[in-house]
Each structure stands twice: as C-alpha cells, then as structure tokens.
N, C-alpha and C. Protein backbone atom coordinates (compact mmCIF):
# COMPACT_ATOMS: atom_id res chain seq x y z
N UNK A 1 0.84 -1.19 0.00
CA UNK A 1 0.00 0.00 0.00
C UNK A 1 0.88 1.24 0.00
N UNK A 2 0.65 2.15 -0.95
CA UNK A 2 1.47 3.36 -1.01
C UNK A 2 1.00 4.36 0.06
N UNK A 3 1.82 5.37 0.29
CA UNK A 3 1.55 6.32 1.36
C UNK A 3 0.24 7.07 1.15
N UNK A 4 -0.05 7.44 -0.10
CA UNK A 4 -1.27 8.21 -0.36
C UNK A 4 -2.52 7.40 -0.03
N UNK A 5 -2.53 6.11 -0.39
CA UNK A 5 -3.67 5.25 -0.07
C UNK A 5 -3.80 5.07 1.43
N UNK A 6 -2.67 4.87 2.11
CA UNK A 6 -2.71 4.70 3.57
C UNK A 6 -3.21 5.97 4.24
N UNK A 7 -2.76 7.11 3.78
CA UNK A 7 -3.21 8.38 4.37
C UNK A 7 -4.70 8.58 4.15
N UNK A 8 -5.19 8.21 2.97
CA UNK A 8 -6.62 8.34 2.69
C UNK A 8 -7.42 7.40 3.57
N UNK A 9 -6.92 6.18 3.75
CA UNK A 9 -7.58 5.21 4.61
C UNK A 9 -7.68 5.74 6.04
N UNK A 10 -6.58 6.25 6.56
CA UNK A 10 -6.59 6.73 7.94
C UNK A 10 -7.50 7.95 8.09
N UNK A 11 -7.56 8.80 7.07
CA UNK A 11 -8.46 9.95 7.13
C UNK A 11 -9.92 9.49 7.17
N UNK A 12 -10.25 8.46 6.40
CA UNK A 12 -11.62 7.92 6.40
C UNK A 12 -11.96 7.31 7.76
N UNK A 13 -11.01 6.58 8.33
CA UNK A 13 -11.24 5.98 9.65
C UNK A 13 -11.39 7.06 10.72
N UNK A 14 -10.56 8.10 10.64
CA UNK A 14 -10.65 9.20 11.60
C UNK A 14 -12.02 9.86 11.55
N UNK A 15 -12.54 10.08 10.35
CA UNK A 15 -13.88 10.67 10.21
C UNK A 15 -14.95 9.76 10.81
N UNK A 16 -14.79 8.45 10.59
CA UNK A 16 -15.75 7.49 11.13
C UNK A 16 -15.83 7.61 12.65
N UNK A 17 -14.67 7.62 13.31
CA UNK A 17 -14.68 7.67 14.77
C UNK A 17 -15.06 9.04 15.31
N UNK A 18 -14.71 10.10 14.59
CA UNK A 18 -15.13 11.43 15.01
C UNK A 18 -16.65 11.54 14.98
N UNK A 19 -17.26 10.91 13.98
CA UNK A 19 -18.71 10.88 13.90
C UNK A 19 -19.32 10.11 15.06
N UNK A 20 -18.69 8.98 15.42
CA UNK A 20 -19.21 8.16 16.52
C UNK A 20 -19.22 8.91 17.85
N UNK A 21 -18.12 9.60 18.15
CA UNK A 21 -18.09 10.30 19.45
C UNK A 21 -19.01 11.51 19.43
N UNK A 22 -19.22 12.10 18.26
CA UNK A 22 -20.18 13.19 18.15
C UNK A 22 -21.61 12.69 18.39
N UNK A 23 -21.91 11.49 17.93
CA UNK A 23 -23.24 10.92 18.08
C UNK A 23 -23.51 10.44 19.50
N UNK A 24 -22.52 9.78 20.11
CA UNK A 24 -22.75 9.08 21.37
C UNK A 24 -22.06 9.69 22.58
N UNK A 25 -21.12 10.58 22.36
CA UNK A 25 -20.42 11.20 23.47
C UNK A 25 -19.32 10.31 24.03
N UNK A 26 -18.83 10.72 25.20
CA UNK A 26 -17.70 10.04 25.84
C UNK A 26 -18.22 8.83 26.62
N UNK A 27 -18.37 7.74 25.92
CA UNK A 27 -18.81 6.47 26.47
C UNK A 27 -18.38 5.38 25.48
N UNK A 28 -18.45 4.10 25.86
CA UNK A 28 -17.99 3.04 24.96
C UNK A 28 -18.60 3.10 23.56
N UNK A 29 -19.88 3.44 23.43
CA UNK A 29 -20.47 3.53 22.10
C UNK A 29 -19.84 4.65 21.27
N UNK A 30 -19.25 5.62 21.95
CA UNK A 30 -18.57 6.70 21.26
C UNK A 30 -17.29 6.28 20.59
N UNK A 31 -16.76 5.11 20.98
CA UNK A 31 -15.60 4.53 20.30
C UNK A 31 -15.99 3.21 19.62
N UNK A 32 -17.28 3.04 19.40
CA UNK A 32 -17.84 1.93 18.62
C UNK A 32 -17.79 0.59 19.33
N UNK A 33 -17.83 0.60 20.67
CA UNK A 33 -17.99 -0.62 21.43
C UNK A 33 -19.42 -0.69 21.96
N UNK A 34 -19.88 -1.90 22.30
CA UNK A 34 -21.26 -2.08 22.73
C UNK A 34 -21.54 -1.53 24.12
N UNK A 35 -20.57 -1.67 25.02
CA UNK A 35 -20.82 -1.23 26.38
C UNK A 35 -19.58 -1.29 27.24
N UNK A 36 -19.72 -0.79 28.48
CA UNK A 36 -18.57 -0.70 29.37
C UNK A 36 -18.05 -2.07 29.79
N UNK A 37 -18.94 -3.01 30.02
CA UNK A 37 -18.50 -4.33 30.49
C UNK A 37 -17.54 -5.00 29.50
N UNK A 38 -17.90 -4.99 28.22
CA UNK A 38 -17.03 -5.61 27.22
C UNK A 38 -15.77 -4.78 27.02
N UNK A 39 -15.85 -3.47 27.15
CA UNK A 39 -14.67 -2.62 27.02
C UNK A 39 -13.65 -2.96 28.10
N UNK A 40 -14.11 -3.08 29.33
CA UNK A 40 -13.21 -3.43 30.44
C UNK A 40 -12.64 -4.82 30.25
N UNK A 41 -13.44 -5.75 29.77
CA UNK A 41 -12.95 -7.11 29.52
C UNK A 41 -11.82 -7.09 28.50
N UNK A 42 -11.92 -6.26 27.49
CA UNK A 42 -10.83 -6.12 26.52
C UNK A 42 -9.57 -5.58 27.18
N UNK A 43 -9.75 -4.58 28.02
CA UNK A 43 -8.60 -3.99 28.69
C UNK A 43 -7.89 -5.01 29.58
N UNK A 44 -8.65 -5.87 30.22
CA UNK A 44 -8.05 -6.90 31.07
C UNK A 44 -7.13 -7.79 30.25
N UNK A 45 -7.57 -8.16 29.05
CA UNK A 45 -6.73 -9.01 28.19
C UNK A 45 -5.48 -8.27 27.74
N UNK A 46 -5.65 -7.04 27.27
CA UNK A 46 -4.51 -6.26 26.79
C UNK A 46 -3.49 -6.01 27.90
N UNK A 47 -3.98 -5.76 29.11
CA UNK A 47 -3.10 -5.43 30.23
C UNK A 47 -2.27 -6.62 30.69
N UNK A 48 -2.56 -7.79 30.20
CA UNK A 48 -1.75 -8.95 30.55
C UNK A 48 -0.33 -8.84 30.00
N UNK A 49 -0.12 -7.94 29.05
CA UNK A 49 1.24 -7.75 28.54
C UNK A 49 2.13 -7.08 29.58
N UNK A 50 1.53 -6.38 30.54
CA UNK A 50 2.29 -5.66 31.56
C UNK A 50 2.72 -6.65 32.64
N UNK A 51 4.02 -6.83 32.78
CA UNK A 51 4.52 -7.84 33.72
C UNK A 51 5.25 -7.22 34.92
N UNK A 52 4.91 -5.99 35.24
CA UNK A 52 5.47 -5.36 36.44
C UNK A 52 4.37 -4.54 37.11
N UNK A 53 4.39 -4.39 38.41
CA UNK A 53 3.30 -3.71 39.10
C UNK A 53 3.26 -2.21 38.85
N UNK A 54 4.42 -1.58 38.75
CA UNK A 54 4.48 -0.12 38.61
C UNK A 54 5.76 0.27 37.90
N UNK A 55 5.88 1.57 37.62
CA UNK A 55 7.10 2.10 37.06
C UNK A 55 7.34 1.80 35.60
N UNK A 56 6.29 1.62 34.83
CA UNK A 56 6.45 1.31 33.41
C UNK A 56 5.92 2.46 32.56
N UNK A 57 6.25 2.42 31.27
CA UNK A 57 5.70 3.36 30.31
C UNK A 57 4.88 2.58 29.29
N UNK A 58 3.83 3.22 28.76
CA UNK A 58 2.95 2.52 27.84
C UNK A 58 2.41 3.50 26.79
N UNK A 59 2.41 3.06 25.53
CA UNK A 59 1.76 3.76 24.44
C UNK A 59 0.41 3.11 24.19
N UNK A 60 -0.61 3.92 24.02
CA UNK A 60 -1.96 3.45 23.71
C UNK A 60 -2.32 3.97 22.32
N UNK A 61 -2.21 3.10 21.32
CA UNK A 61 -2.45 3.49 19.93
C UNK A 61 -3.93 3.32 19.61
N UNK A 62 -4.57 4.41 19.22
CA UNK A 62 -6.02 4.42 19.06
C UNK A 62 -6.67 4.59 20.42
N UNK A 63 -6.22 5.60 21.14
CA UNK A 63 -6.58 5.75 22.56
C UNK A 63 -8.01 6.21 22.78
N UNK A 64 -8.68 6.74 21.73
CA UNK A 64 -10.02 7.25 21.93
C UNK A 64 -10.05 8.37 22.94
N UNK A 65 -11.01 8.33 23.86
CA UNK A 65 -11.14 9.38 24.87
C UNK A 65 -10.36 9.06 26.15
N UNK A 66 -9.49 8.05 26.11
CA UNK A 66 -8.60 7.77 27.23
C UNK A 66 -9.11 6.77 28.23
N UNK A 67 -10.02 5.90 27.83
CA UNK A 67 -10.60 4.93 28.77
C UNK A 67 -9.56 3.98 29.34
N UNK A 68 -8.56 3.60 28.54
CA UNK A 68 -7.53 2.70 29.05
C UNK A 68 -6.70 3.37 30.14
N UNK A 69 -6.47 4.66 29.99
CA UNK A 69 -5.74 5.38 31.04
C UNK A 69 -6.48 5.29 32.37
N UNK A 70 -7.79 5.49 32.34
CA UNK A 70 -8.59 5.39 33.56
C UNK A 70 -8.52 3.98 34.15
N UNK A 71 -8.58 2.98 33.28
CA UNK A 71 -8.50 1.58 33.71
C UNK A 71 -7.16 1.31 34.41
N UNK A 72 -6.07 1.76 33.80
CA UNK A 72 -4.75 1.51 34.38
C UNK A 72 -4.54 2.28 35.68
N UNK A 73 -5.13 3.47 35.77
CA UNK A 73 -4.92 4.30 36.96
C UNK A 73 -5.49 3.66 38.22
N UNK A 74 -6.51 2.85 38.07
CA UNK A 74 -7.09 2.15 39.21
C UNK A 74 -6.18 1.03 39.69
N UNK A 75 -5.38 0.48 38.77
CA UNK A 75 -4.61 -0.73 39.05
C UNK A 75 -3.12 -0.50 39.27
N UNK A 76 -2.62 0.66 38.89
CA UNK A 76 -1.19 0.94 39.02
C UNK A 76 -0.98 2.34 39.59
N UNK A 77 0.01 2.47 40.46
CA UNK A 77 0.27 3.76 41.11
C UNK A 77 1.17 4.66 40.26
N UNK A 78 2.20 4.08 39.65
CA UNK A 78 3.17 4.89 38.91
C UNK A 78 3.39 4.30 37.53
N UNK A 79 3.04 5.07 36.51
CA UNK A 79 3.32 4.70 35.14
C UNK A 79 3.21 5.95 34.27
N UNK A 80 3.83 5.90 33.11
CA UNK A 80 3.78 6.99 32.15
C UNK A 80 2.98 6.53 30.94
N UNK A 81 1.98 7.31 30.58
CA UNK A 81 1.04 6.92 29.54
C UNK A 81 1.07 7.94 28.40
N UNK A 82 1.12 7.43 27.17
CA UNK A 82 1.00 8.27 25.98
C UNK A 82 -0.13 7.71 25.12
N UNK A 83 -1.17 8.50 24.93
CA UNK A 83 -2.28 8.10 24.08
C UNK A 83 -2.18 8.77 22.72
N UNK A 84 -2.32 7.99 21.66
CA UNK A 84 -2.27 8.50 20.29
C UNK A 84 -3.57 8.13 19.57
N UNK A 85 -4.09 9.05 18.79
CA UNK A 85 -5.28 8.77 18.00
C UNK A 85 -5.26 9.64 16.75
N UNK A 86 -5.87 9.14 15.68
CA UNK A 86 -5.92 9.90 14.43
C UNK A 86 -7.17 10.76 14.32
N UNK A 87 -8.05 10.66 15.31
CA UNK A 87 -9.26 11.48 15.35
C UNK A 87 -9.04 12.67 16.27
N UNK A 88 -9.14 13.87 15.72
CA UNK A 88 -8.95 15.07 16.53
C UNK A 88 -10.03 15.17 17.60
N UNK A 89 -11.24 14.74 17.28
CA UNK A 89 -12.33 14.78 18.26
C UNK A 89 -12.03 13.88 19.46
N UNK A 90 -11.43 12.72 19.20
CA UNK A 90 -11.08 11.81 20.29
C UNK A 90 -10.00 12.41 21.18
N UNK A 91 -8.97 12.97 20.57
CA UNK A 91 -7.88 13.56 21.36
C UNK A 91 -8.39 14.74 22.18
N UNK A 92 -9.25 15.54 21.60
CA UNK A 92 -9.83 16.67 22.34
C UNK A 92 -10.60 16.18 23.55
N UNK A 93 -11.38 15.12 23.37
CA UNK A 93 -12.16 14.56 24.49
C UNK A 93 -11.23 14.01 25.57
N UNK A 94 -10.17 13.32 25.16
CA UNK A 94 -9.22 12.75 26.12
C UNK A 94 -8.52 13.85 26.90
N UNK A 95 -8.13 14.92 26.23
CA UNK A 95 -7.46 16.02 26.92
C UNK A 95 -8.37 16.72 27.90
N UNK A 96 -9.64 16.83 27.55
CA UNK A 96 -10.60 17.45 28.48
C UNK A 96 -10.74 16.62 29.75
N UNK A 97 -10.71 15.30 29.60
CA UNK A 97 -10.90 14.41 30.75
C UNK A 97 -9.64 14.23 31.58
N UNK A 98 -8.50 14.08 30.92
CA UNK A 98 -7.28 13.68 31.63
C UNK A 98 -6.08 14.57 31.35
N UNK A 99 -6.30 15.69 30.70
CA UNK A 99 -5.19 16.55 30.30
C UNK A 99 -4.39 17.12 31.45
N UNK A 100 -4.98 17.18 32.65
CA UNK A 100 -4.26 17.71 33.81
C UNK A 100 -3.52 16.63 34.59
N UNK A 101 -3.64 15.38 34.18
CA UNK A 101 -2.94 14.29 34.87
C UNK A 101 -1.47 14.30 34.48
N UNK A 102 -0.60 14.38 35.46
CA UNK A 102 0.82 14.56 35.18
C UNK A 102 1.49 13.41 34.47
N UNK A 103 0.92 12.22 34.56
CA UNK A 103 1.56 11.05 33.94
C UNK A 103 0.92 10.66 32.62
N UNK A 104 0.10 11.55 32.05
CA UNK A 104 -0.60 11.23 30.80
C UNK A 104 -0.45 12.36 29.80
N UNK A 105 -0.33 11.98 28.54
CA UNK A 105 -0.36 12.96 27.45
C UNK A 105 -1.11 12.33 26.28
N UNK A 106 -1.73 13.17 25.48
CA UNK A 106 -2.55 12.70 24.36
C UNK A 106 -2.13 13.45 23.10
N UNK A 107 -1.82 12.68 22.05
CA UNK A 107 -1.20 13.23 20.85
C UNK A 107 -2.02 12.84 19.63
N UNK A 108 -2.28 13.81 18.75
CA UNK A 108 -2.96 13.55 17.49
C UNK A 108 -1.94 12.99 16.50
N UNK A 109 -1.90 11.65 16.41
CA UNK A 109 -0.90 11.00 15.57
C UNK A 109 -1.23 9.52 15.43
N UNK A 110 -0.75 8.94 14.34
CA UNK A 110 -0.86 7.49 14.17
C UNK A 110 0.39 6.77 14.65
N UNK A 111 1.39 7.55 15.08
CA UNK A 111 2.68 6.99 15.47
C UNK A 111 3.07 7.53 16.84
N UNK A 112 3.37 6.68 17.81
CA UNK A 112 3.85 7.17 19.10
C UNK A 112 5.14 7.96 18.93
N UNK A 113 5.34 9.03 19.71
CA UNK A 113 6.53 9.86 19.54
C UNK A 113 7.84 9.15 19.88
N UNK A 114 7.77 8.18 20.77
CA UNK A 114 8.96 7.38 21.08
C UNK A 114 8.53 6.03 21.62
N UNK A 115 9.49 5.12 21.68
CA UNK A 115 9.20 3.78 22.17
C UNK A 115 8.91 3.83 23.67
N UNK A 116 8.02 2.94 24.11
CA UNK A 116 7.69 2.76 25.52
C UNK A 116 7.97 1.31 25.89
N UNK A 117 7.85 1.01 27.17
CA UNK A 117 8.00 -0.40 27.58
C UNK A 117 6.98 -1.26 26.84
N UNK A 118 5.74 -0.78 26.80
CA UNK A 118 4.65 -1.54 26.17
C UNK A 118 3.87 -0.62 25.23
N UNK A 119 3.29 -1.23 24.22
CA UNK A 119 2.33 -0.53 23.36
C UNK A 119 1.11 -1.43 23.20
N UNK A 120 -0.07 -0.85 23.30
CA UNK A 120 -1.30 -1.61 23.11
C UNK A 120 -2.17 -0.91 22.07
N UNK A 121 -3.00 -1.69 21.40
CA UNK A 121 -3.93 -1.16 20.40
C UNK A 121 -5.23 -1.94 20.50
N UNK A 122 -6.31 -1.23 20.81
CA UNK A 122 -7.61 -1.88 20.97
C UNK A 122 -8.59 -1.35 19.93
N UNK A 123 -9.03 -2.23 19.05
CA UNK A 123 -10.06 -1.89 18.07
C UNK A 123 -9.57 -1.20 16.82
N UNK A 124 -8.27 -0.96 16.69
CA UNK A 124 -7.78 -0.19 15.55
C UNK A 124 -7.82 -0.98 14.24
N UNK A 125 -8.00 -2.30 14.32
CA UNK A 125 -8.02 -3.12 13.11
C UNK A 125 -9.43 -3.52 12.68
N UNK A 126 -10.44 -3.00 13.32
CA UNK A 126 -11.80 -3.52 13.10
C UNK A 126 -12.54 -2.90 11.92
N UNK A 127 -12.48 -1.58 11.80
CA UNK A 127 -13.37 -0.88 10.87
C UNK A 127 -12.64 -0.61 9.55
N UNK A 128 -12.88 -1.47 8.56
CA UNK A 128 -12.19 -1.30 7.27
C UNK A 128 -13.02 -0.53 6.26
N UNK A 129 -14.27 -0.21 6.62
CA UNK A 129 -15.13 0.61 5.76
C UNK A 129 -15.27 -0.02 4.38
N UNK A 130 -14.95 0.74 3.31
CA UNK A 130 -15.13 0.24 1.94
C UNK A 130 -13.86 -0.36 1.37
N UNK A 131 -12.80 -0.43 2.15
CA UNK A 131 -11.53 -0.94 1.63
C UNK A 131 -11.57 -2.46 1.53
N UNK A 132 -10.86 -2.98 0.55
CA UNK A 132 -10.86 -4.43 0.32
C UNK A 132 -10.12 -5.15 1.44
N UNK A 133 -10.37 -6.45 1.52
CA UNK A 133 -9.68 -7.25 2.53
C UNK A 133 -8.18 -7.20 2.36
N UNK A 134 -7.69 -7.23 1.12
CA UNK A 134 -6.25 -7.19 0.87
C UNK A 134 -5.66 -5.84 1.24
N UNK A 135 -6.38 -4.77 0.91
CA UNK A 135 -5.89 -3.44 1.29
C UNK A 135 -5.81 -3.30 2.81
N UNK A 136 -6.84 -3.79 3.47
CA UNK A 136 -6.85 -3.67 4.94
C UNK A 136 -5.77 -4.53 5.57
N UNK A 137 -5.52 -5.71 5.02
CA UNK A 137 -4.46 -6.56 5.56
C UNK A 137 -3.11 -5.86 5.43
N UNK A 138 -2.87 -5.19 4.31
CA UNK A 138 -1.63 -4.43 4.16
C UNK A 138 -1.51 -3.38 5.25
N UNK A 139 -2.61 -2.73 5.54
CA UNK A 139 -2.61 -1.72 6.60
C UNK A 139 -2.33 -2.36 7.96
N UNK A 140 -2.95 -3.49 8.23
CA UNK A 140 -2.73 -4.19 9.50
C UNK A 140 -1.25 -4.56 9.66
N UNK A 141 -0.65 -5.10 8.61
CA UNK A 141 0.76 -5.50 8.67
C UNK A 141 1.65 -4.29 8.93
N UNK A 142 1.34 -3.18 8.28
CA UNK A 142 2.10 -1.94 8.50
C UNK A 142 1.99 -1.52 9.96
N UNK A 143 0.79 -1.59 10.52
CA UNK A 143 0.58 -1.15 11.90
C UNK A 143 1.24 -2.10 12.90
N UNK A 144 1.27 -3.38 12.60
CA UNK A 144 1.94 -4.32 13.50
C UNK A 144 3.44 -4.03 13.55
N UNK A 145 4.03 -3.70 12.42
CA UNK A 145 5.44 -3.30 12.43
C UNK A 145 5.65 -2.06 13.29
N UNK A 146 4.70 -1.14 13.22
CA UNK A 146 4.77 0.07 14.03
C UNK A 146 4.68 -0.27 15.52
N UNK A 147 3.75 -1.16 15.88
CA UNK A 147 3.62 -1.58 17.28
C UNK A 147 4.92 -2.19 17.78
N UNK A 148 5.54 -2.98 16.94
CA UNK A 148 6.80 -3.62 17.31
C UNK A 148 7.89 -2.58 17.57
N UNK A 149 8.02 -1.62 16.66
CA UNK A 149 9.06 -0.60 16.80
C UNK A 149 8.82 0.30 18.00
N UNK A 150 7.56 0.47 18.39
CA UNK A 150 7.21 1.38 19.48
C UNK A 150 7.30 0.73 20.86
N UNK A 151 7.76 -0.52 20.93
CA UNK A 151 7.70 -1.29 22.18
C UNK A 151 9.07 -1.87 22.52
N UNK A 152 9.48 -1.69 23.76
CA UNK A 152 10.74 -2.26 24.22
C UNK A 152 10.57 -3.64 24.84
N UNK A 153 9.50 -3.83 25.60
CA UNK A 153 9.27 -5.08 26.32
C UNK A 153 8.19 -5.95 25.68
N UNK A 154 7.25 -5.34 24.97
CA UNK A 154 6.20 -6.13 24.35
C UNK A 154 5.04 -5.27 23.90
N UNK A 155 4.14 -5.88 23.12
CA UNK A 155 2.94 -5.17 22.68
C UNK A 155 1.76 -6.11 22.63
N UNK A 156 0.57 -5.52 22.64
CA UNK A 156 -0.67 -6.30 22.64
C UNK A 156 -1.70 -5.59 21.76
N UNK A 157 -2.53 -6.39 21.11
CA UNK A 157 -3.57 -5.83 20.25
C UNK A 157 -4.71 -6.84 20.14
N UNK A 158 -5.86 -6.37 19.68
CA UNK A 158 -6.98 -7.27 19.47
C UNK A 158 -7.54 -7.11 18.06
N UNK A 159 -8.25 -8.13 17.62
CA UNK A 159 -8.88 -8.16 16.30
C UNK A 159 -10.22 -8.89 16.41
N UNK A 160 -11.16 -8.50 15.60
CA UNK A 160 -12.35 -9.33 15.44
C UNK A 160 -11.94 -10.66 14.82
N UNK A 161 -12.62 -11.72 15.19
CA UNK A 161 -12.20 -13.05 14.77
C UNK A 161 -12.96 -13.56 13.56
N UNK A 162 -12.27 -14.28 12.71
CA UNK A 162 -12.90 -14.92 11.55
C UNK A 162 -13.78 -16.08 11.96
N UNK A 163 -13.73 -16.45 13.24
CA UNK A 163 -14.61 -17.50 13.77
C UNK A 163 -15.95 -16.94 14.24
N UNK A 164 -16.23 -15.68 13.94
CA UNK A 164 -17.52 -15.09 14.29
C UNK A 164 -18.65 -15.78 13.53
N UNK A 165 -19.85 -15.72 14.08
CA UNK A 165 -21.03 -16.28 13.42
C UNK A 165 -21.25 -15.55 12.09
N UNK A 166 -21.35 -16.30 11.01
CA UNK A 166 -21.42 -15.71 9.68
C UNK A 166 -22.57 -14.73 9.53
N UNK A 167 -23.72 -15.05 10.11
CA UNK A 167 -24.90 -14.19 9.94
C UNK A 167 -24.78 -12.87 10.70
N UNK A 168 -23.79 -12.76 11.60
CA UNK A 168 -23.61 -11.53 12.37
C UNK A 168 -22.45 -10.68 11.87
N UNK A 169 -21.73 -11.17 10.89
CA UNK A 169 -20.56 -10.45 10.39
C UNK A 169 -20.98 -9.31 9.46
N UNK A 170 -20.33 -8.17 9.60
CA UNK A 170 -20.63 -6.99 8.80
C UNK A 170 -19.59 -6.80 7.70
N UNK A 171 -20.04 -6.32 6.56
CA UNK A 171 -19.14 -6.16 5.42
C UNK A 171 -18.13 -5.04 5.62
N UNK A 172 -18.43 -4.09 6.50
CA UNK A 172 -17.52 -2.96 6.69
C UNK A 172 -16.51 -3.21 7.81
N UNK A 173 -16.52 -4.41 8.39
CA UNK A 173 -15.57 -4.76 9.45
C UNK A 173 -14.58 -5.80 8.96
N UNK A 174 -13.44 -5.84 9.62
CA UNK A 174 -12.38 -6.79 9.25
C UNK A 174 -12.29 -7.89 10.30
N UNK A 175 -12.43 -9.13 9.85
CA UNK A 175 -12.36 -10.30 10.73
C UNK A 175 -11.09 -11.06 10.40
N UNK A 176 -10.15 -11.06 11.33
CA UNK A 176 -8.84 -11.65 11.09
C UNK A 176 -8.82 -13.13 11.46
N UNK A 177 -7.98 -13.87 10.78
CA UNK A 177 -7.75 -15.28 11.09
C UNK A 177 -6.77 -15.34 12.25
N UNK A 178 -7.19 -15.76 13.43
CA UNK A 178 -6.29 -15.76 14.59
C UNK A 178 -5.06 -16.64 14.42
N UNK A 179 -5.22 -17.74 13.69
CA UNK A 179 -4.08 -18.63 13.47
C UNK A 179 -3.02 -17.96 12.60
N UNK A 180 -3.47 -17.26 11.57
CA UNK A 180 -2.55 -16.53 10.70
C UNK A 180 -1.82 -15.44 11.46
N UNK A 181 -2.57 -14.69 12.29
CA UNK A 181 -1.97 -13.59 13.03
C UNK A 181 -0.97 -14.12 14.05
N UNK A 182 -1.32 -15.20 14.73
CA UNK A 182 -0.39 -15.80 15.69
C UNK A 182 0.89 -16.25 14.99
N UNK A 183 0.75 -16.92 13.86
CA UNK A 183 1.92 -17.41 13.13
C UNK A 183 2.80 -16.24 12.67
N UNK A 184 2.17 -15.19 12.17
CA UNK A 184 2.91 -14.01 11.73
C UNK A 184 3.73 -13.42 12.87
N UNK A 185 3.09 -13.23 14.03
CA UNK A 185 3.79 -12.62 15.16
C UNK A 185 4.90 -13.53 15.68
N UNK A 186 4.65 -14.81 15.67
CA UNK A 186 5.64 -15.78 16.14
C UNK A 186 6.88 -15.77 15.25
N UNK A 187 6.66 -15.69 13.96
CA UNK A 187 7.78 -15.74 13.01
C UNK A 187 8.48 -14.38 12.87
N UNK A 188 7.72 -13.29 13.03
CA UNK A 188 8.25 -11.97 12.69
C UNK A 188 8.76 -11.17 13.88
N UNK A 189 8.14 -11.37 15.05
CA UNK A 189 8.43 -10.46 16.15
C UNK A 189 9.06 -11.11 17.38
N UNK A 190 8.63 -12.29 17.76
CA UNK A 190 9.12 -12.87 19.00
C UNK A 190 8.78 -14.35 19.08
N UNK A 191 9.57 -15.09 19.84
CA UNK A 191 9.22 -16.48 20.14
C UNK A 191 8.15 -16.57 21.22
N UNK A 192 7.98 -15.49 21.95
CA UNK A 192 7.06 -15.49 23.09
C UNK A 192 5.77 -14.75 22.72
N UNK A 193 4.81 -15.50 22.19
CA UNK A 193 3.55 -14.94 21.72
C UNK A 193 2.40 -15.73 22.34
N UNK A 194 1.40 -15.01 22.84
CA UNK A 194 0.20 -15.66 23.40
C UNK A 194 -1.01 -15.23 22.59
N UNK A 195 -1.88 -16.20 22.30
CA UNK A 195 -3.15 -15.94 21.63
C UNK A 195 -4.28 -16.19 22.62
N UNK A 196 -5.05 -15.16 22.94
CA UNK A 196 -6.16 -15.25 23.89
C UNK A 196 -7.47 -15.21 23.11
N UNK A 197 -8.19 -16.32 23.16
CA UNK A 197 -9.43 -16.40 22.39
C UNK A 197 -10.51 -17.10 23.21
N UNK A 198 -10.48 -16.82 24.52
CA UNK A 198 -11.33 -17.58 25.44
C UNK A 198 -12.07 -16.70 26.41
N UNK A 199 -12.35 -15.44 26.02
CA UNK A 199 -12.97 -14.53 26.98
C UNK A 199 -14.37 -14.07 26.56
N UNK A 200 -15.01 -14.84 25.67
CA UNK A 200 -16.44 -14.67 25.44
C UNK A 200 -16.86 -13.61 24.45
N UNK A 201 -15.92 -12.95 23.78
CA UNK A 201 -16.26 -11.96 22.77
C UNK A 201 -15.87 -12.48 21.39
N UNK A 202 -16.45 -11.87 20.35
CA UNK A 202 -16.15 -12.30 18.97
C UNK A 202 -14.85 -11.66 18.49
N UNK A 203 -13.80 -11.91 19.23
CA UNK A 203 -12.50 -11.31 18.95
C UNK A 203 -11.42 -12.13 19.64
N UNK A 204 -10.19 -11.76 19.38
CA UNK A 204 -9.06 -12.37 20.07
C UNK A 204 -8.03 -11.30 20.38
N UNK A 205 -7.17 -11.59 21.34
CA UNK A 205 -6.09 -10.69 21.73
C UNK A 205 -4.77 -11.42 21.57
N UNK A 206 -3.76 -10.71 21.08
CA UNK A 206 -2.42 -11.27 20.93
C UNK A 206 -1.47 -10.49 21.81
N UNK A 207 -0.65 -11.20 22.57
CA UNK A 207 0.40 -10.62 23.40
C UNK A 207 1.75 -11.03 22.82
N UNK A 208 2.58 -10.08 22.53
CA UNK A 208 3.92 -10.34 21.98
C UNK A 208 4.94 -9.85 22.99
N UNK A 209 5.66 -10.78 23.61
CA UNK A 209 6.67 -10.43 24.62
C UNK A 209 8.05 -10.50 23.98
N UNK A 210 8.83 -9.46 24.19
CA UNK A 210 10.17 -9.41 23.62
C UNK A 210 11.19 -9.94 24.62
N UNK A 211 12.24 -10.48 24.11
CA UNK A 211 13.31 -10.98 24.98
C UNK A 211 14.04 -9.79 25.61
N UNK A 212 14.49 -9.96 26.85
CA UNK A 212 15.21 -8.85 27.52
C UNK A 212 16.44 -8.44 26.73
C-alpha cells in the first residue's frame, strides 16, 4: 500500500470515529464498542502484557477518549502513559478528561513519539469501511510493524475473529484469522507470543513479549 492510499484510509477511519463520538459522546459507544462491560474485559486481556506492578511506560495506539488510562490508573500507582489517535475529536475529548494528569499525554498522531516499555492497540483493526480485505491486511501489517518498533518489552492488540457467526458479520468490518496472526507474530516479532481467544467476545487478543 502506497503512502497516499494509507493516508486516505486513515483519514476515512478518523472521520468514522469522530462521527461516533459526536453521536454518542464520551462512552464506549462513542468509540464503537457495545458497552462498558465488554470494554473493560478487553482492557483486562490487553493489560496482561504488563509484567510489572508499577514504574512502566505505555503507548496506547487508538486511545479514543482515554478509557484505558482510567483503567490503568485504578490498578497501578506509577506509570507513564501516551495516548495517540488519528481522530482530533477523540484527542480533544481525552485532553478534556485527563489533560491535567501529570503522567498522561494525548497526541494527534498514528505513530507514538517514542518507544515505551509496552504498546497496546484496541479496536484499531476492526473498521475497514469500503476498503478491500487485501488493502486492509496491508494496513494491518504496517501497523503491526509500528507496534513492534514502538515497544521495548512487548505489545498487545486485538482483532475481530474470523470464527464469528457468519450471519452476524458486517461487510464494513475486518475479521482476522487468529491462526494466521499468531503465526505471523511468532515468526516476525518474538518467540514469546500468546493468543487469547477464550474470553467470550467475537475477537481475540495477541500478546507479543520481547526478549530482555
């Protein structure tokens, strides 16, 4: 995928999410999730990449209005958080909610400004809109390389699963093959990869741990 196509894709996705938060406000539906319970369940899976109680740094790619920051703040005393999103509306909402928190910053960007101990991405691979499956896969592969470069200790992400019920699958969403994604991460990024597909949602989470 050339840069112009990728930039157009990201602009379309940014508009999609800006529309969602305008319609639903600062709540899970505003970032295109069904509700708070499933959102927290996703965060629990992603947070399994964190293998220390405190004193870590984390990039949140596709941070939305900063819900993951709130989740982590309840569970950890000291950490540095950087949220990145391509939707200006999302970043504005996040800054209004958490902009005064000394350990958090929110940046309008698709790329974290520097590497952190961990990088996580929740939902960024789901909404492919009118783009073909091949085009979206190219975008996913590009973003996985970015997650890898932005992480010193490991990264985590989730995808809708190709094992979803066929009658419930939407044409504008991307459903990834978990076996393919696991194999890719195992061969390309680390020997230490976990595939989580047992938490009751039509998705899976991948944890990629890097060697010290």
